[in-house]
PDB file of N, CA and C in Angstrom:
ATOM      1  N   MET A   1     -13.335  -3.707  13.510  1.00  0.00           N
ATOM      2  CA  MET A   1     -13.260  -2.406  13.761  1.00  0.00           C
ATOM      3  C   MET A   1     -13.420  -1.841  15.103  1.00  0.00           C
ATOM      4  N   ASP A   2     -13.055  -0.980  15.985  1.00  0.00           N
ATOM      5  CA  ASP A   2     -13.259  -0.910  17.029  1.00  0.00           C
ATOM      6  C   ASP A   2     -14.080   0.594  17.048  1.00  0.00           C
ATOM      7  N   ASP A   3     -14.857   0.728  18.147  1.00  0.00           N
ATOM      8  CA  ASP A   3     -15.541   1.474  18.331  1.00  0.00           C
ATOM      9  C   ASP A   3     -15.402   3.278  17.728  1.00  0.00           C
ATOM     10  N   PHE A   4     -14.494   3.432  17.804  1.00  0.00           N
ATOM     11  CA  PHE A   4     -13.849   5.004  17.764  1.00  0.00           C
ATOM     12  C   PHE A   4     -14.129   5.082  16.059  1.00  0.00           C
ATOM     13  N   THR A   5     -13.347   4.089  15.793  1.00  0.00           N
ATOM     14  CA  THR A   5     -13.219   4.170  14.029  1.00  0.00           C
ATOM     15  C   THR A   5     -14.482   4.103  13.348  1.00  0.00           C
ATOM     16  N   LYS A   6     -15.094   3.325  14.151  1.00  0.00           N
ATOM     17  CA  LYS A   6     -16.644   3.291  13.302  1.00  0.00           C
ATOM     18  C   LYS A   6     -17.131   4.317  13.409  1.00  0.00           C
ATOM     19  N   ILE A   7     -17.216   4.917  14.839  1.00  0.00           N
ATOM     20  CA  ILE A   7     -17.980   6.385  14.613  1.00  0.00           C
ATOM     21  C   ILE A   7     -17.384   7.334  13.725  1.00  0.00           C
ATOM     22  N   ARG A   8     -15.845   7.481  13.408  1.00  0.00           N
ATOM     23  CA  ARG A   8     -15.251   8.425  12.873  1.00  0.00           C
ATOM     24  C   ARG A   8     -15.905   8.135  11.185  1.00  0.00           C
ATOM     25  N   ILE A   9     -15.625   6.607  10.863  1.00  0.00           N
ATOM     26  CA  ILE A   9     -15.646   6.434   9.928  1.00  0.00           C
ATOM     27  C   ILE A   9     -17.782   6.812   8.974  1.00  0.00           C
ATOM     28  N   LYS A  10     -18.315   6.311  10.402  1.00  0.00           N
ATOM     29  CA  LYS A  10     -19.967   6.884   9.985  1.00  0.00           C
ATOM     30  C   LYS A  10     -20.061   8.713   9.887  1.00  0.00           C
ATOM     31  N   LYS A  11     -19.121   8.979  10.518  1.00  0.00           N
ATOM     32  CA  LYS A  11     -19.386  11.257  10.236  1.00  0.00           C
ATOM     33  C   LYS A  11     -18.981  11.072   9.022  1.00  0.00           C
ATOM     34  N   ILE A  12     -17.483   9.804   8.651  1.00  0.00           N
ATOM     35  CA  ILE A  12     -16.990  10.422   7.177  1.00  0.00           C
ATOM     36  C   ILE A  12     -18.376  10.580   6.412  1.00  0.00           C
ATOM     37  N   MET A  13     -19.087   9.082   6.297  1.00  0.00           N
ATOM     38  CA  MET A  13     -19.338   8.688   5.398  1.00  0.00           C
ATOM     39  C   MET A  13     -21.499   9.333   4.874  1.00  0.00           C
ATOM     40  N   ASP A  14     -21.345   9.541   6.327  1.00  0.00           N
ATOM     41  CA  ASP A  14     -22.795  10.575   6.450  1.00  0.00           C
ATOM     42  C   ASP A  14     -22.324  11.680   5.786  1.00  0.00           C
ATOM     43  N   LYS A  15     -21.344  12.579   6.114  1.00  0.00           N
ATOM     44  CA  LYS A  15     -20.793  13.577   5.335  1.00  0.00           C
ATOM     45  C   LYS A  15     -21.060  13.566   3.338  1.00  0.00           C
ATOM     46  N   TYR A  16     -20.229  12.470   2.977  1.00  0.00           N
ATOM     47  CA  TYR A  16     -20.313  12.278   1.941  1.00  0.00           C
ATOM     48  C   TYR A  16     -21.247  11.827   1.214  1.00  0.00           C
ATOM     49  N   THR A  17     -22.000  10.880   1.838  1.00  0.00           N
ATOM     50  CA  THR A  17     -23.652  10.641   1.004  1.00  0.00           C
ATOM     51  C   THR A  17     -24.373  11.410   1.242  1.00  0.00           C
ATOM     52  N   GLU A  18     -24.385  11.964   2.024  1.00  0.00           N
ATOM     53  CA  GLU A  18     -25.525  13.585   1.840  1.00  0.00           C
ATOM     54  C   GLU A  18     -24.774  14.556   1.009  1.00  0.00           C
ATOM     55  N   ALA A  19     -23.536  15.337   0.703  1.00  0.00           N
ATOM     56  CA  ALA A  19     -23.345  15.744  -0.306  1.00  0.00           C
ATOM     57  C   ALA A  19     -22.861  15.295  -1.911  1.00  0.00           C
ATOM     58  N   LYS A  20     -22.759  14.293  -2.008  1.00  0.00           N
ATOM     59  CA  LYS A  20     -22.711  13.577  -3.083  1.00  0.00           C
ATOM     60  C   LYS A  20     -23.670  13.642  -4.551  1.00  0.00           C
ATOM     61  N   ILE A  21     -25.000  13.754  -3.905  1.00  0.00           N
ATOM     62  CA  ILE A  21     -25.731  13.905  -5.024  1.00  0.00           C
ATOM     63  C   ILE A  21     -26.941  15.104  -4.221  1.00  0.00           C
ATOM     64  N   PRO A  22     -27.031  15.626  -5.640  1.00  0.00           N
ATOM     65  CA  PRO A  22     -27.445  17.099  -5.177  1.00  0.00           C
ATOM     66  C   PRO A  22     -29.056  16.552  -4.985  1.00  0.00           C
ATOM     67  N   LYS A  23     -29.625  17.828  -3.776  1.00  0.00           N
ATOM     68  CA  LYS A  23     -30.960  17.924  -3.004  1.00  0.00           C
ATOM     69  C   LYS A  23     -31.862  17.473  -4.096  1.00  0.00           C
ATOM     70  N   HIS A  24     -31.933  18.206  -5.569  1.00  0.00           N
ATOM     71  CA  HIS A  24     -33.014  17.881  -6.343  1.00  0.00           C
ATOM     72  C   HIS A  24     -32.739  16.449  -6.973  1.00  0.00           C
ATOM     73  N   LEU A  25     -32.269  15.803  -7.093  1.00  0.00           N
ATOM     74  CA  LEU A  25     -32.014  14.505  -7.868  1.00  0.00           C
ATOM     75  C   LEU A  25     -32.242  13.285  -6.824  1.00  0.00           C
ATOM     76  N   GLN A  26     -32.337  13.752  -5.035  1.00  0.00           N
ATOM     77  CA  GLN A  26     -32.637  12.452  -4.227  1.00  0.00           C
ATOM     78  C   GLN A  26     -33.782  11.883  -4.376  1.00  0.00           C
ATOM     79  N   ASN A  27     -34.746  12.432  -5.476  1.00  0.00           N
ATOM     80  CA  ASN A  27     -35.737  11.295  -5.388  1.00  0.00           C
ATOM     81  C   ASN A  27     -35.835   9.922  -6.199  1.00  0.00           C
ATOM     82  N   GLN A  28     -34.355  10.322  -7.064  1.00  0.00           N
ATOM     83  CA  GLN A  28     -34.025   9.461  -8.371  1.00  0.00           C
ATOM     84  C   GLN A  28     -33.488   8.924  -7.865  1.00  0.00           C
ATOM     85  N   MET A  29     -31.896   9.213  -7.298  1.00  0.00           N
ATOM     86  CA  MET A  29     -31.062   8.288  -6.859  1.00  0.00           C
ATOM     87  C   MET A  29     -30.608   8.713  -5.898  1.00  0.00           C
ATOM     88  N   ARG A  30     -29.803   8.086  -4.693  1.00  0.00           N
ATOM     89  CA  ARG A  30     -29.148   8.078  -3.258  1.00  0.00           C
ATOM     90  C   ARG A  30     -28.144   7.386  -3.059  1.00  0.00           C
ATOM     91  N   LEU A  31     -26.963   7.883  -2.681  1.00  0.00           N
ATOM     92  CA  LEU A  31     -26.455   6.786  -1.785  1.00  0.00           C
ATOM     93  C   LEU A  31     -26.248   6.445   0.005  1.00  0.00           C
ATOM     94  N   ILE A  32     -26.327   5.258  -0.193  1.00  0.00           N
ATOM     95  CA  ILE A  32     -26.312   4.598   1.319  1.00  0.00           C
ATOM     96  C   ILE A  32     -24.622   3.627   1.049  1.00  0.00           C
ATOM     97  N   TYR A  33     -24.694   3.513   2.911  1.00  0.00           N
ATOM     98  CA  TYR A  33     -23.849   2.891   3.089  1.00  0.00           C
ATOM     99  C   TYR A  33     -23.384   2.079   3.966  1.00  0.00           C
ATOM    100  N   LYS A  34     -23.385   1.415   4.488  1.00  0.00           N
ATOM    101  CA  LYS A  34     -23.516  -0.304   5.096  1.00  0.00           C
ATOM    102  C   LYS A  34     -21.637  -0.314   5.785  1.00  0.00           C
ATOM    103  N   ILE A  35     -21.978  -1.151   6.848  1.00  0.00           N
ATOM    104  CA  ILE A  35     -20.579  -0.787   8.101  1.00  0.00           C
ATOM    105  C   ILE A  35     -20.821  -2.790   8.626  1.00  0.00           C
ATOM    106  N   ARG A  36     -20.319  -3.625   8.428  1.00  0.00           N
ATOM    107  CA  ARG A  36     -20.221  -4.914   8.715  1.00  0.00           C
ATOM    108  C   ARG A  36     -18.902  -5.092   8.886  1.00  0.00           C
ATOM    109  N   GLY A  37     -18.558  -5.538  10.337  1.00  0.00           N
ATOM    110  CA  GLY A  37     -17.308  -6.259  10.750  1.00  0.00           C
ATOM    111  C   GLY A  37     -16.555  -5.084   9.840  1.00  0.00           C
ATOM    112  N   ASN A  38     -15.410  -5.266   9.893  1.00  0.00           N
ATOM    113  CA  ASN A  38     -14.413  -4.578   9.356  1.00  0.00           C
ATOM    114  C   ASN A  38     -14.616  -4.188   7.524  1.00  0.00           C
ATOM    115  N   ASN A  39     -15.801  -4.131   7.171  1.00  0.00           N
ATOM    116  CA  ASN A  39     -16.142  -3.682   5.911  1.00  0.00           C
ATOM    117  C   ASN A  39     -16.846  -2.411   5.866  1.00  0.00           C
ATOM    118  N   VAL A  40     -16.956  -1.794   4.606  1.00  0.00           N
ATOM    119  CA  VAL A  40     -17.614  -0.716   4.762  1.00  0.00           C
ATOM    120  C   VAL A  40     -17.874  -0.878   3.076  1.00  0.00           C
ATOM    121  N   THR A  41     -19.390  -1.126   3.607  1.00  0.00           N
ATOM    122  CA  THR A  41     -20.313  -0.801   1.447  1.00  0.00           C
ATOM    123  C   THR A  41     -21.026   0.184   1.157  1.00  0.00           C
ATOM    124  N   LEU A  42     -20.059   0.644  -0.049  1.00  0.00           N
ATOM    125  CA  LEU A  42     -21.041   1.833  -0.116  1.00  0.00           C
ATOM    126  C   LEU A  42     -22.107   1.391  -1.467  1.00  0.00           C
ATOM    127  N   LEU A  43     -23.562   2.324  -1.617  1.00  0.00           N
ATOM    128  CA  LEU A  43     -24.113   1.352  -2.217  1.00  0.00           C
ATOM    129  C   LEU A  43     -25.488   2.382  -2.676  1.00  0.00           C
ATOM    130  N   GLU A  44     -25.747   2.563  -4.030  1.00  0.00           N
ATOM    131  CA  GLU A  44     -26.377   3.134  -4.852  1.00  0.00           C
ATOM    132  C   GLU A  44     -27.964   2.608  -4.670  1.00  0.00           C
ATOM    133  N   GLU A  45     -28.731   4.106  -4.560  1.00  0.00           N
ATOM    134  CA  GLU A  45     -30.723   3.261  -4.461  1.00  0.00           C
ATOM    135  C   GLU A  45     -30.915   3.919  -5.359  1.00  0.00           C
ATOM    136  N   ARG A  46     -31.696   3.203  -6.076  1.00  0.00           N
ATOM    137  CA  ARG A  46     -32.797   4.155  -7.097  1.00  0.00           C
ATOM    138  C   ARG A  46     -34.123   3.568  -6.946  1.00  0.00           C
ATOM    139  N   PRO A  47     -35.062   4.237  -7.342  1.00  0.00           N
ATOM    140  CA  PRO A  47     -36.567   4.174  -7.284  1.00  0.00           C
ATOM    141  C   PRO A  47     -36.652   2.445  -8.070  1.00  0.00           C
ATOM    142  N   ALA A  48     -37.394   1.878  -7.212  1.00  0.00           N
ATOM    143  CA  ALA A  48     -37.834   0.117  -8.075  1.00  0.00           C
ATOM    144  C   ALA A  48     -38.617   0.772  -9.693  1.00  0.00           C
ATOM    145  N   TYR A  49     -38.454   0.001 -10.526  1.00  0.00           N
ATOM    146  CA  TYR A  49     -38.965   0.107 -12.059  1.00  0.00           C
ATOM    147  C   TYR A  49     -40.460  -0.278 -11.846  1.00  0.00           C
ATOM    148  N   ARG A  50     -40.663  -1.203 -10.819  1.00  0.00           N
ATOM    149  CA  ARG A  50     -41.859  -1.662 -10.436  1.00  0.00           C
ATOM    150  C   ARG A  50     -42.419  -1.529  -9.129  1.00  0.00           C
ATOM    151  N   GLY A  51     -43.277  -1.236  -8.952  1.00  0.00           N
ATOM    152  CA  GLY A  51     -43.456  -0.773  -6.955  1.00  0.00           C
ATOM    153  C   GLY A  51     -43.006  -0.268  -7.073  1.00  0.00           C
ATOM    154  N   GLU A  52     -43.059   0.066  -6.351  1.00  0.00           N
ATOM    155  CA  GLU A  52     -42.862   0.793  -4.630  1.00  0.00           C
ATOM    156  C   GLU A  52     -40.807   0.329  -3.900  1.00  0.00           C
ATOM    157  N   GLY A  53     -40.653   0.910  -3.138  1.00  0.00           N
ATOM    158  CA  GLY A  53     -39.396   0.948  -2.376  1.00  0.00           C
ATOM    159  C   GLY A  53     -37.966   1.547  -3.898  1.00  0.00           C
ATOM    160  N   TRP A  54     -37.053   1.142  -3.364  1.00  0.00           N
ATOM    161  CA  TRP A  54     -35.831   0.926  -3.733  1.00  0.00           C
ATOM    162  C   TRP A  54     -35.148   0.067  -4.172  1.00  0.00           C
ATOM    163  N   THR A  55     -34.084   0.011  -5.167  1.00  0.00           N
ATOM    164  CA  THR A  55     -33.042  -1.044  -5.689  1.00  0.00           C
ATOM    165  C   THR A  55     -31.969  -0.870  -5.429  1.00  0.00           C
ATOM    166  N   GLN A  56     -31.012  -1.713  -4.838  1.00  0.00           N
ATOM    167  CA  GLN A  56     -29.538  -1.347  -4.525  1.00  0.00           C
ATOM    168  C   GLN A  56     -28.539  -2.088  -4.841  1.00  0.00           C
ATOM    169  N   ARG A  57     -27.752  -0.989  -5.340  1.00  0.00           N
ATOM    170  CA  ARG A  57     -26.767  -1.829  -6.034  1.00  0.00           C
ATOM    171  C   ARG A  57     -25.055  -1.292  -5.637  1.00  0.00           C
ATOM    172  N   ASP A  58     -24.415  -2.517  -5.430  1.00  0.00           N
ATOM    173  CA  ASP A  58     -22.867  -2.179  -4.564  1.00  0.00           C
ATOM    174  C   ASP A  58     -22.001  -1.515  -5.336  1.00  0.00           C
ATOM    175  N   LEU A  59     -21.730  -0.684  -4.891  1.00  0.00           N
ATOM    176  CA  LEU A  59     -20.663   0.632  -5.871  1.00  0.00           C
ATOM    177  C   LEU A  59     -19.496   0.131  -5.418  1.00  0.00           C
ATOM    178  N   VAL A  60     -19.136   0.007  -4.669  1.00  0.00           N
ATOM    179  CA  VAL A  60     -17.596  -0.345  -3.575  1.00  0.00           C
ATOM    180  C   VAL A  60     -17.389  -0.448  -2.356  1.00  0.00           C
ATOM    181  N   GLN A  61     -16.179  -1.361  -1.765  1.00  0.00           N
ATOM    182  CA  GLN A  61     -16.239  -2.214  -0.572  1.00  0.00           C
ATOM    183  C   GLN A  61     -14.778  -1.448  -0.312  1.00  0.00           C
ATOM    184  N   PHE A  62     -14.865  -0.676   1.265  1.00  0.00           N
ATOM    185  CA  PHE A  62     -13.255  -0.847   1.626  1.00  0.00           C
ATOM    186  C   PHE A  62     -13.526  -1.925   3.002  1.00  0.00           C
ATOM    187  N   ARG A  63     -12.108  -2.436   2.479  1.00  0.00           N
ATOM    188  CA  ARG A  63     -11.841  -3.248   3.840  1.00  0.00           C
ATOM    189  C   ARG A  63     -10.591  -3.282   4.693  1.00  0.00           C
ATOM    190  N   LEU A  64     -10.936  -3.210   6.084  1.00  0.00           N
ATOM    191  CA  LEU A  64      -9.815  -2.893   6.867  1.00  0.00           C
ATOM    192  C   LEU A  64      -9.223  -3.900   7.426  1.00  0.00           C
ATOM    193  N   ASP A  65      -7.768  -4.348   7.240  1.00  0.00           N
ATOM    194  CA  ASP A  65      -7.215  -5.491   7.287  1.00  0.00           C
ATOM    195  C   ASP A  65      -6.555  -5.380   8.203  1.00  0.00           C
ATOM    196  N   GLY A  66      -5.677  -6.479   8.788  1.00  0.00           N
ATOM    197  CA  GLY A  66      -5.371  -6.758   9.921  1.00  0.00           C
ATOM    198  C   GLY A  66      -3.973  -5.901  10.090  1.00  0.00           C
ATOM    199  N   GLN A  67      -3.949  -4.511   9.136  1.00  0.00           N
ATOM    200  CA  GLN A  67      -2.922  -4.146   9.741  1.00  0.00           C
ATOM    201  C   GLN A  67      -3.264  -3.047   9.682  1.00  0.00           C
ATOM    202  N   GLY A  68      -4.588  -2.773   9.896  1.00  0.00           N
ATOM    203  CA  GLY A  68      -5.205  -1.400   9.736  1.00  0.00           C
ATOM    204  C   GLY A  68      -4.790  -0.083   8.511  1.00  0.00           C
ATOM    205  N   GLU A  69      -4.449  -1.321   7.666  1.00  0.00           N
ATOM    206  CA  GLU A  69      -5.293  -0.632   6.345  1.00  0.00           C
ATOM    207  C   GLU A  69      -6.332  -1.026   5.490  1.00  0.00           C
ATOM    208  N   TRP A  70      -6.754  -0.033   4.616  1.00  0.00           N
ATOM    209  CA  TRP A  70      -8.200   0.314   3.911  1.00  0.00           C
ATOM    210  C   TRP A  70      -7.613  -0.287   2.579  1.00  0.00           C
ATOM    211  N   LYS A  71      -8.667  -1.255   2.203  1.00  0.00           N
ATOM    212  CA  LYS A  71      -8.128  -1.517   0.563  1.00  0.00           C
ATOM    213  C   LYS A  71      -9.738  -1.809   0.016  1.00  0.00           C
ATOM    214  N   VAL A  72      -9.274  -1.335  -1.184  1.00  0.00           N
ATOM    215  CA  VAL A  72     -10.366  -1.139  -1.988  1.00  0.00           C
ATOM    216  C   VAL A  72     -10.695  -2.268  -2.707  1.00  0.00           C
ATOM    217  N   TYR A  73     -12.279  -2.699  -2.790  1.00  0.00           N
ATOM    218  CA  TYR A  73     -12.981  -3.567  -3.487  1.00  0.00           C
ATOM    219  C   TYR A  73     -14.158  -3.431  -4.689  1.00  0.00           C
ATOM    220  N   TRP A  74     -14.396  -3.769  -5.359  1.00  0.00           N
ATOM    221  CA  TRP A  74     -14.903  -3.721  -6.771  1.00  0.00           C
ATOM    222  C   TRP A  74     -15.788  -4.892  -6.796  1.00  0.00           C
ATOM    223  N   ARG A  75     -16.805  -5.103  -7.352  1.00  0.00           N
ATOM    224  CA  ARG A  75     -17.869  -5.835  -7.383  1.00  0.00           C
ATOM    225  C   ARG A  75     -18.007  -6.219  -8.935  1.00  0.00           C
ATOM    226  N   ASP A  76     -17.928  -7.837  -9.382  1.00  0.00           N
ATOM    227  CA  ASP A  76     -18.415  -8.301 -10.783  1.00  0.00           C
ATOM    228  C   ASP A  76     -19.740  -8.243 -10.875  1.00  0.00           C
ATOM    229  N   SER A  77     -20.092  -8.752 -12.070  1.00  0.00           N
ATOM    230  CA  SER A  77     -21.476  -8.946 -12.526  1.00  0.00           C
ATOM    231  C   SER A  77     -22.017 -10.544 -11.695  1.00  0.00           C
ATOM    232  N   LYS A  78     -21.348 -11.180 -10.941  1.00  0.00           N
ATOM    233  CA  LYS A  78     -21.380 -12.505 -10.626  1.00  0.00           C
ATOM    234  C   LYS A  78     -21.495 -12.071  -8.695  1.00  0.00           C
ATOM    235  N   ASP A  79     -21.462 -11.309  -8.328  1.00  0.00           N
ATOM    236  CA  ASP A  79     -21.376 -10.552  -6.869  1.00  0.00           C
ATOM    237  C   ASP A  79     -20.193 -11.077  -6.373  1.00  0.00           C
ATOM    238  N   LYS A  80     -19.362 -10.987  -6.945  1.00  0.00           N
ATOM    239  CA  LYS A  80     -17.925 -11.835  -6.672  1.00  0.00           C
ATOM    240  C   LYS A  80     -16.997 -10.011  -6.204  1.00  0.00           C
ATOM    241  N   TRP A  81     -16.344  -9.933  -5.061  1.00  0.00           N
ATOM    242  CA  TRP A  81     -15.429  -8.784  -5.105  1.00  0.00           C
ATOM    243  C   TRP A  81     -14.141  -8.902  -5.442  1.00  0.00           C
ATOM    244  N   HIS A  82     -13.444  -8.202  -5.895  1.00  0.00           N
ATOM    245  CA  HIS A  82     -12.310  -8.045  -6.334  1.00  0.00           C
ATOM    246  C   HIS A  82     -11.794  -6.554  -5.441  1.00  0.00           C
ATOM    247  N   TRP A  83      -9.947  -7.078  -5.205  1.00  0.00           N
ATOM    248  CA  TRP A  83      -8.959  -5.961  -4.517  1.00  0.00           C
ATOM    249  C   TRP A  83      -8.783  -4.887  -5.635  1.00  0.00           C
ATOM    250  N   VAL A  84      -9.011  -3.800  -5.980  1.00  0.00           N
ATOM    251  CA  VAL A  84      -8.074  -3.026  -6.910  1.00  0.00           C
ATOM    252  C   VAL A  84      -7.040  -2.948  -6.635  1.00  0.00           C
ATOM    253  N   GLU A  85      -5.764  -3.957  -7.385  1.00  0.00           N
ATOM    254  CA  GLU A  85      -4.637  -3.976  -6.888  1.00  0.00           C
ATOM    255  C   GLU A  85      -3.946  -2.436  -6.927  1.00  0.00           C
ATOM    256  N   ASP A  86      -4.297  -1.942  -8.082  1.00  0.00           N
ATOM    257  CA  ASP A  86      -3.764  -0.554  -8.172  1.00  0.00           C
ATOM    258  C   ASP A  86      -4.114   0.715  -7.386  1.00  0.00           C
ATOM    259  N   ILE A  87      -5.003   0.402  -6.594  1.00  0.00           N
ATOM    260  CA  ILE A  87      -5.302   1.201  -5.317  1.00  0.00           C
ATOM    261  C   ILE A  87      -4.158   0.974  -4.256  1.00  0.00           C
ATOM    262  N   GLU A  88      -3.591   1.197  -3.645  1.00  0.00           N
ATOM    263  CA  GLU A  88      -2.522   0.180  -2.991  1.00  0.00           C
ATOM    264  C   GLU A  88      -3.381   0.542  -1.610  1.00  0.00           C
ATOM    265  N   ALA A  89      -2.950  -0.442  -0.606  1.00  0.00           N
ATOM    266  CA  ALA A  89      -3.613  -0.003   0.765  1.00  0.00           C
ATOM    267  C   ALA A  89      -2.926   1.366   1.328  1.00  0.00           C
ATOM    268  N   ASN A  90      -4.111   1.994   2.558  1.00  0.00           N
ATOM    269  CA  ASN A  90      -3.878   2.807   2.989  1.00  0.00           C
ATOM    270  C   ASN A  90      -4.434   3.377   4.453  1.00  0.00           C
ATOM    271  N   LYS A  91      -4.239   3.249   5.220  1.00  0.00           N
ATOM    272  CA  LYS A  91      -4.352   3.791   6.875  1.00  0.00           C
ATOM    273  C   LYS A  91      -5.265   4.620   6.906  1.00  0.00           C
ATOM    274  N   ASP A  92      -4.807   5.601   5.634  1.00  0.00           N
ATOM    275  CA  ASP A  92      -6.273   6.831   5.548  1.00  0.00           C
ATOM    276  C   ASP A  92      -7.677   6.678   4.980  1.00  0.00           C
ATOM    277  N   PHE A  93      -8.676   6.409   5.467  1.00  0.00           N
ATOM    278  CA  PHE A  93      -9.943   6.344   5.311  1.00  0.00           C
ATOM    279  C   PHE A  93     -10.043   7.165   3.474  1.00  0.00           C
ATOM    280  N   GLU A  94     -10.155   8.057   4.564  1.00  0.00           N
ATOM    281  CA  GLU A  94     -10.695   9.398   3.355  1.00  0.00           C
ATOM    282  C   GLU A  94      -9.926   9.446   2.642  1.00  0.00           C
ATOM    283  N   GLN A  95      -8.602   9.010   2.320  1.00  0.00           N
ATOM    284  CA  GLN A  95      -8.033   9.357   1.366  1.00  0.00           C
ATOM    285  C   GLN A  95      -8.150   7.734  -0.070  1.00  0.00           C
ATOM    286  N   GLN A  96      -8.769   7.204   0.731  1.00  0.00           N
ATOM    287  CA  GLN A  96      -9.047   5.755  -0.244  1.00  0.00           C
ATOM    288  C   GLN A  96     -10.295   6.175  -0.579  1.00  0.00           C
ATOM    289  N   LEU A  97     -11.535   7.079   0.113  1.00  0.00           N
ATOM    290  CA  LEU A  97     -12.834   7.442  -0.161  1.00  0.00           C
ATOM    291  C   LEU A  97     -12.117   8.620  -1.537  1.00  0.00           C
ATOM    292  N   MET A  98     -11.834   9.278  -1.251  1.00  0.00           N
ATOM    293  CA  MET A  98     -10.886  10.326  -2.766  1.00  0.00           C
ATOM    294  C   MET A  98     -10.837   9.605  -3.957  1.00  0.00           C
ATOM    295  N   ILE A  99     -10.066   8.942  -3.706  1.00  0.00           N
ATOM    296  CA  ILE A  99      -9.211   8.009  -5.206  1.00  0.00           C
ATOM    297  C   ILE A  99     -10.804   7.177  -5.361  1.00  0.00           C
ATOM    298  N   VAL A 100     -11.729   6.670  -4.856  1.00  0.00           N
ATOM    299  CA  VAL A 100     -12.952   6.246  -5.239  1.00  0.00           C
ATOM    300  C   VAL A 100     -13.819   7.529  -5.980  1.00  0.00           C
ATOM    301  N   ASP A 101     -13.947   8.324  -4.908  1.00  0.00           N
ATOM    302  CA  ASP A 101     -14.793   9.794  -5.661  1.00  0.00           C
ATOM    303  C   ASP A 101     -14.044  10.013  -6.748  1.00  0.00           C
ATOM    304  N   GLN A 102     -12.839  10.060  -7.656  1.00  0.00           N
ATOM    305  CA  GLN A 102     -12.268  10.237  -8.364  1.00  0.00           C
ATOM    306  C   GLN A 102     -12.429   9.587  -9.443  1.00  0.00           C
ATOM    307  N   ASP A 103     -12.120   8.142  -8.936  1.00  0.00           N
ATOM    308  CA  ASP A 103     -12.731   7.342 -10.469  1.00  0.00           C
ATOM    309  C   ASP A 103     -11.872   7.496 -11.489  1.00  0.00           C
ATOM    310  N   ASN A 104     -11.047   7.461 -11.612  1.00  0.00           N
ATOM    311  CA  ASN A 104     -10.405   7.662 -12.783  1.00  0.00           C
ATOM    312  C   ASN A 104     -10.337   6.727 -14.365  1.00  0.00           C
ATOM    313  N   ARG A 105     -10.161   5.685 -13.095  1.00  0.00           N
ATOM    314  CA  ARG A 105     -10.780   4.687 -14.835  1.00  0.00           C
ATOM    315  C   ARG A 105     -11.996   4.099 -14.675  1.00  0.00           C
ATOM    316  N   GLY A 106     -12.977   4.399 -14.028  1.00  0.00           N
ATOM    317  CA  GLY A 106     -14.527   4.454 -14.580  1.00  0.00           C
ATOM    318  C   GLY A 106     -14.451   3.199 -13.699  1.00  0.00           C
ATOM    319  N   ILE A 107     -14.518   2.485 -12.809  1.00  0.00           N
ATOM    320  CA  ILE A 107     -14.820   1.531 -11.905  1.00  0.00           C
ATOM    321  C   ILE A 107     -15.566   1.597 -11.251  1.00  0.00           C
ATOM    322  N   PHE A 108     -16.107   2.444 -10.558  1.00  0.00           N
ATOM    323  CA  PHE A 108     -17.122   2.205  -9.451  1.00  0.00           C
ATOM    324  C   PHE A 108     -18.460   3.391  -9.871  1.00  0.00           C
ATOM    325  N   TRP A 109     -18.001   4.003 -10.887  1.00  0.00           N
ATOM    326  CA  TRP A 109     -19.389   5.650 -11.613  1.00  0.00           C
ATOM    327  C   TRP A 109     -19.193   4.865 -12.591  1.00  0.00           C
ATOM    328  N   GLY A 110     -20.276   4.429 -13.053  1.00  0.00           N
ATOM    329  CA  GLY A 110     -20.356   3.689 -14.545  1.00  0.00           C
ATOM    330  C   GLY A 110     -21.747   3.824 -15.126  1.00  0.00           C
TER     331      GLY A 110
END
């Protein structure tokens, strides 16, 4: 992922994660993201059950392929990522994020 794309993705994800969880609930749950190579992973954080700090759970991963298209992946209980085949690869990252946000099948938000 080139620097321009990374800056653009950071702006999109900063805005999304800030707006997704209402302010009054952000002490109970928050969203963060991580960019590593050509992957953008969206995570949910909740206060740890015991002790201090927050626990993290991967929600979805967006991967930029060699053709400049974003593919969407879900993570199973064995921590293995799987491509969501019925979400077509798309050059528009924001379009992929909107599809995940709507999550009509309950894959990501559950």
